[in-house]
Amino acid sequence: MIEYLWRGKQPYNVSVAAEVAALAALTNKAYLDQVRDALVEERERLFSKLKEVPYLEPYPSSANFILCKVTQVGRCTGLWHALPVGAGTCVCLSRVFKAMLEGKQ
């Protein structure tokens, strides 16, 4: 029986509190529009910044992350040939880009 139930499980766990918050957010169209617009704006900024990193080749995205091809694998020790970069706060991403452009790993 358990094996049958596991077939319908999502690949991630969501707490009851997170589910309640998500359902509440879905009823507020203005909030959803605001979050969507902020995500699109940050994704565009993220994409343009990633193009400045010489060893990354970002792919256009409609998701909340951008997949980048790592063109110089030695630059990203321990990573595969692709790197997903998710949207975050402006301060956090600014620090990440500064480190990438300075050649820190």
C-alpha atoms as a PDB file:
ATOM      1  CA  MET A   1       0.000   0.000   0.000  1.00  0.00           C
ATOM      2  CA  ILE A   2       2.781   2.442   0.922  1.00  0.00           C
ATOM      3  CA  GLU A   3       4.522   1.862  -2.412  1.00  0.00           C
ATOM      4  CA  TYR A   4       1.283   2.800  -4.177  1.00  0.00           C
ATOM      5  CA  LEU A   5       0.913   6.006  -2.113  1.00  0.00           C
ATOM      6  CA  TRP A   6       4.512   7.046  -2.783  1.00  0.00           C
ATOM      7  CA  ARG A   7       3.743   7.168  -6.516  1.00  0.00           C
ATOM      8  CA  GLY A   8       1.689  10.322  -5.965  1.00  0.00           C
ATOM      9  CA  LYS A   9       4.195  12.079  -3.687  1.00  0.00           C
ATOM     10  CA  GLN A  10       5.709  15.321  -4.900  1.00  0.00           C
ATOM     11  CA  PRO A  11       9.533  15.373  -5.256  1.00  0.00           C
ATOM     12  CA  TYR A  12       9.727  17.872  -2.368  1.00  0.00           C
ATOM     13  CA  ASN A  13       8.043  18.231   0.999  1.00  0.00           C
ATOM     14  CA  VAL A  14       5.766  21.160   1.836  1.00  0.00           C
ATOM     15  CA  SER A  15       4.834  21.948   5.410  1.00  0.00           C
ATOM     16  CA  VAL A  16       1.229  22.566   6.409  1.00  0.00           C
ATOM     17  CA  ALA A  17       2.062  26.219   7.163  1.00  0.00           C
ATOM     18  CA  ALA A  18       3.611  26.687   3.713  1.00  0.00           C
ATOM     19  CA  GLU A  19       0.600  25.077   2.065  1.00  0.00           C
ATOM     20  CA  VAL A  20      -1.824  27.352   3.960  1.00  0.00           C
ATOM     21  CA  ALA A  21       0.256  30.413   3.013  1.00  0.00           C
ATOM     22  CA  ALA A  22       0.366  29.352  -0.640  1.00  0.00           C
ATOM     23  CA  LEU A  23      -3.392  28.824  -0.778  1.00  0.00           C
ATOM     24  CA  ALA A  24      -3.967  32.236   0.800  1.00  0.00           C
ATOM     25  CA  ALA A  25      -1.596  33.876  -1.689  1.00  0.00           C
ATOM     26  CA  LEU A  26      -3.442  32.253  -4.586  1.00  0.00           C
ATOM     27  CA  THR A  27      -6.620  34.094  -3.599  1.00  0.00           C
ATOM     28  CA  ASN A  28      -4.887  37.507  -3.759  1.00  0.00           C
ATOM     29  CA  LYS A  29      -4.462  38.378  -7.457  1.00  0.00           C
ATOM     30  CA  ALA A  30      -2.796  41.732  -6.769  1.00  0.00           C
ATOM     31  CA  TYR A  31      -0.138  40.028  -4.636  1.00  0.00           C
ATOM     32  CA  LEU A  32       0.436  37.335  -7.275  1.00  0.00           C
ATOM     33  CA  ASP A  33       0.840  39.990  -9.977  1.00  0.00           C
ATOM     34  CA  GLN A  34       3.338  41.876  -7.797  1.00  0.00           C
ATOM     35  CA  VAL A  35       5.401  38.747  -7.115  1.00  0.00           C
ATOM     36  CA  ARG A  36       5.315  37.711 -10.783  1.00  0.00           C
ATOM     37  CA  ASP A  37       6.451  41.155 -11.937  1.00  0.00           C
ATOM     38  CA  ALA A  38       9.283  41.222  -9.386  1.00  0.00           C
ATOM     39  CA  LEU A  39      10.408  37.746 -10.457  1.00  0.00           C
ATOM     40  CA  VAL A  40      10.442  38.680 -14.148  1.00  0.00           C
ATOM     41  CA  GLU A  41      12.372  41.889 -13.422  1.00  0.00           C
ATOM     42  CA  GLU A  42      14.939  40.088 -11.260  1.00  0.00           C
ATOM     43  CA  ARG A  43      15.304  37.270 -13.812  1.00  0.00           C
ATOM     44  CA  GLU A  44      16.090  39.820 -16.542  1.00  0.00           C
ATOM     45  CA  ARG A  45      18.691  41.509 -14.317  1.00  0.00           C
ATOM     46  CA  LEU A  46      20.125  38.118 -13.409  1.00  0.00           C
ATOM     47  CA  PHE A  47      20.395  37.087 -17.066  1.00  0.00           C
ATOM     48  CA  SER A  48      22.236  40.273 -18.049  1.00  0.00           C
ATOM     49  CA  LYS A  49      24.647  39.922 -15.118  1.00  0.00           C
ATOM     50  CA  LEU A  50      25.326  36.253 -15.893  1.00  0.00           C
ATOM     51  CA  LYS A  51      26.282  37.200 -19.463  1.00  0.00           C
ATOM     52  CA  GLU A  52      29.091  39.309 -17.942  1.00  0.00           C
ATOM     53  CA  VAL A  53      30.714  36.260 -16.306  1.00  0.00           C
ATOM     54  CA  PRO A  54      33.278  35.065 -18.875  1.00  0.00           C
ATOM     55  CA  TYR A  55      33.037  31.356 -18.050  1.00  0.00           C
ATOM     56  CA  LEU A  56      29.228  31.120 -18.024  1.00  0.00           C
ATOM     57  CA  GLU A  57      26.829  30.975 -20.952  1.00  0.00           C
ATOM     58  CA  PRO A  58      23.287  31.602 -19.654  1.00  0.00           C
ATOM     59  CA  TYR A  59      20.287  30.177 -21.479  1.00  0.00           C
ATOM     60  CA  PRO A  60      17.082  32.250 -21.783  1.00  0.00           C
ATOM     61  CA  SER A  61      14.518  31.197 -19.188  1.00  0.00           C
ATOM     62  CA  SER A  62      10.885  31.593 -18.229  1.00  0.00           C
ATOM     63  CA  ALA A  63      11.421  29.888 -14.846  1.00  0.00           C
ATOM     64  CA  ASN A  64      12.567  31.230 -11.474  1.00  0.00           C
ATOM     65  CA  PHE A  65      16.152  30.244 -12.276  1.00  0.00           C
ATOM     66  CA  ILE A  66      18.546  30.474 -15.214  1.00  0.00           C
ATOM     67  CA  LEU A  67      20.562  27.494 -16.408  1.00  0.00           C
ATOM     68  CA  CYS A  68      24.124  28.357 -17.381  1.00  0.00           C
ATOM     69  CA  LYS A  69      26.579  26.338 -19.405  1.00  0.00           C
ATOM     70  CA  VAL A  70      29.977  26.361 -17.690  1.00  0.00           C
ATOM     71  CA  THR A  71      32.432  26.937 -20.541  1.00  0.00           C
ATOM     72  CA  GLN A  72      35.583  26.636 -18.418  1.00  0.00           C
ATOM     73  CA  VAL A  73      34.883  23.707 -16.118  1.00  0.00           C
ATOM     74  CA  GLY A  74      38.072  24.263 -14.113  1.00  0.00           C
ATOM     75  CA  ARG A  75      36.634  27.596 -12.986  1.00  0.00           C
ATOM     76  CA  CYS A  76      33.854  25.862 -11.076  1.00  0.00           C
ATOM     77  CA  THR A  77      35.567  23.008  -9.300  1.00  0.00           C
ATOM     78  CA  GLY A  78      33.170  20.285  -8.270  1.00  0.00           C
ATOM     79  CA  LEU A  79      30.392  21.403 -10.607  1.00  0.00           C
ATOM     80  CA  TRP A  80      29.082  19.700 -13.669  1.00  0.00           C
ATOM     81  CA  HIS A  81      28.992  21.410 -17.029  1.00  0.00           C
ATOM     82  CA  ALA A  82      25.815  23.330 -16.130  1.00  0.00           C
ATOM     83  CA  LEU A  83      24.899  25.563 -13.213  1.00  0.00           C
ATOM     84  CA  PRO A  84      21.357  26.605 -12.283  1.00  0.00           C
ATOM     85  CA  VAL A  85      21.301  30.106 -10.767  1.00  0.00           C
ATOM     86  CA  GLY A  86      18.149  30.995  -8.858  1.00  0.00           C
ATOM     87  CA  ALA A  87      16.674  34.387  -8.216  1.00  0.00           C
ATOM     88  CA  GLY A  88      17.515  35.848  -4.806  1.00  0.00           C
ATOM     89  CA  THR A  89      17.756  39.206  -3.123  1.00  0.00           C
ATOM     90  CA  CYS A  90      19.622  41.986  -4.919  1.00  0.00           C
ATOM     91  CA  VAL A  91      22.233  42.165  -2.144  1.00  0.00           C
ATOM     92  CA  CYS A  92      22.884  38.420  -2.221  1.00  0.00           C
ATOM     93  CA  LEU A  93      23.156  38.248  -6.003  1.00  0.00           C
ATOM     94  CA  SER A  94      25.420  41.300  -6.102  1.00  0.00           C
ATOM     95  CA  ARG A  95      27.864  39.502  -3.806  1.00  0.00           C
ATOM     96  CA  VAL A  96      27.714  36.365  -5.944  1.00  0.00           C
ATOM     97  CA  PHE A  97      28.441  38.313  -9.149  1.00  0.00           C
ATOM     98  CA  LYS A  98      31.283  40.221  -7.533  1.00  0.00           C
ATOM     99  CA  ALA A  99      32.902  36.933  -6.484  1.00  0.00           C
ATOM    100  CA  MET A 100      32.362  35.382  -9.929  1.00  0.00           C
ATOM    101  CA  LEU A 101      33.858  38.340 -11.765  1.00  0.00           C
ATOM    102  CA  GLU A 102      36.848  38.455  -9.391  1.00  0.00           C
ATOM    103  CA  GLY A 103      37.490  34.800 -10.155  1.00  0.00           C
ATOM    104  CA  LYS A 104      36.723  33.503  -6.665  1.00  0.00           C
ATOM    105  CA  GLN A 105      35.250  30.032  -6.389  1.00  0.00           C
END
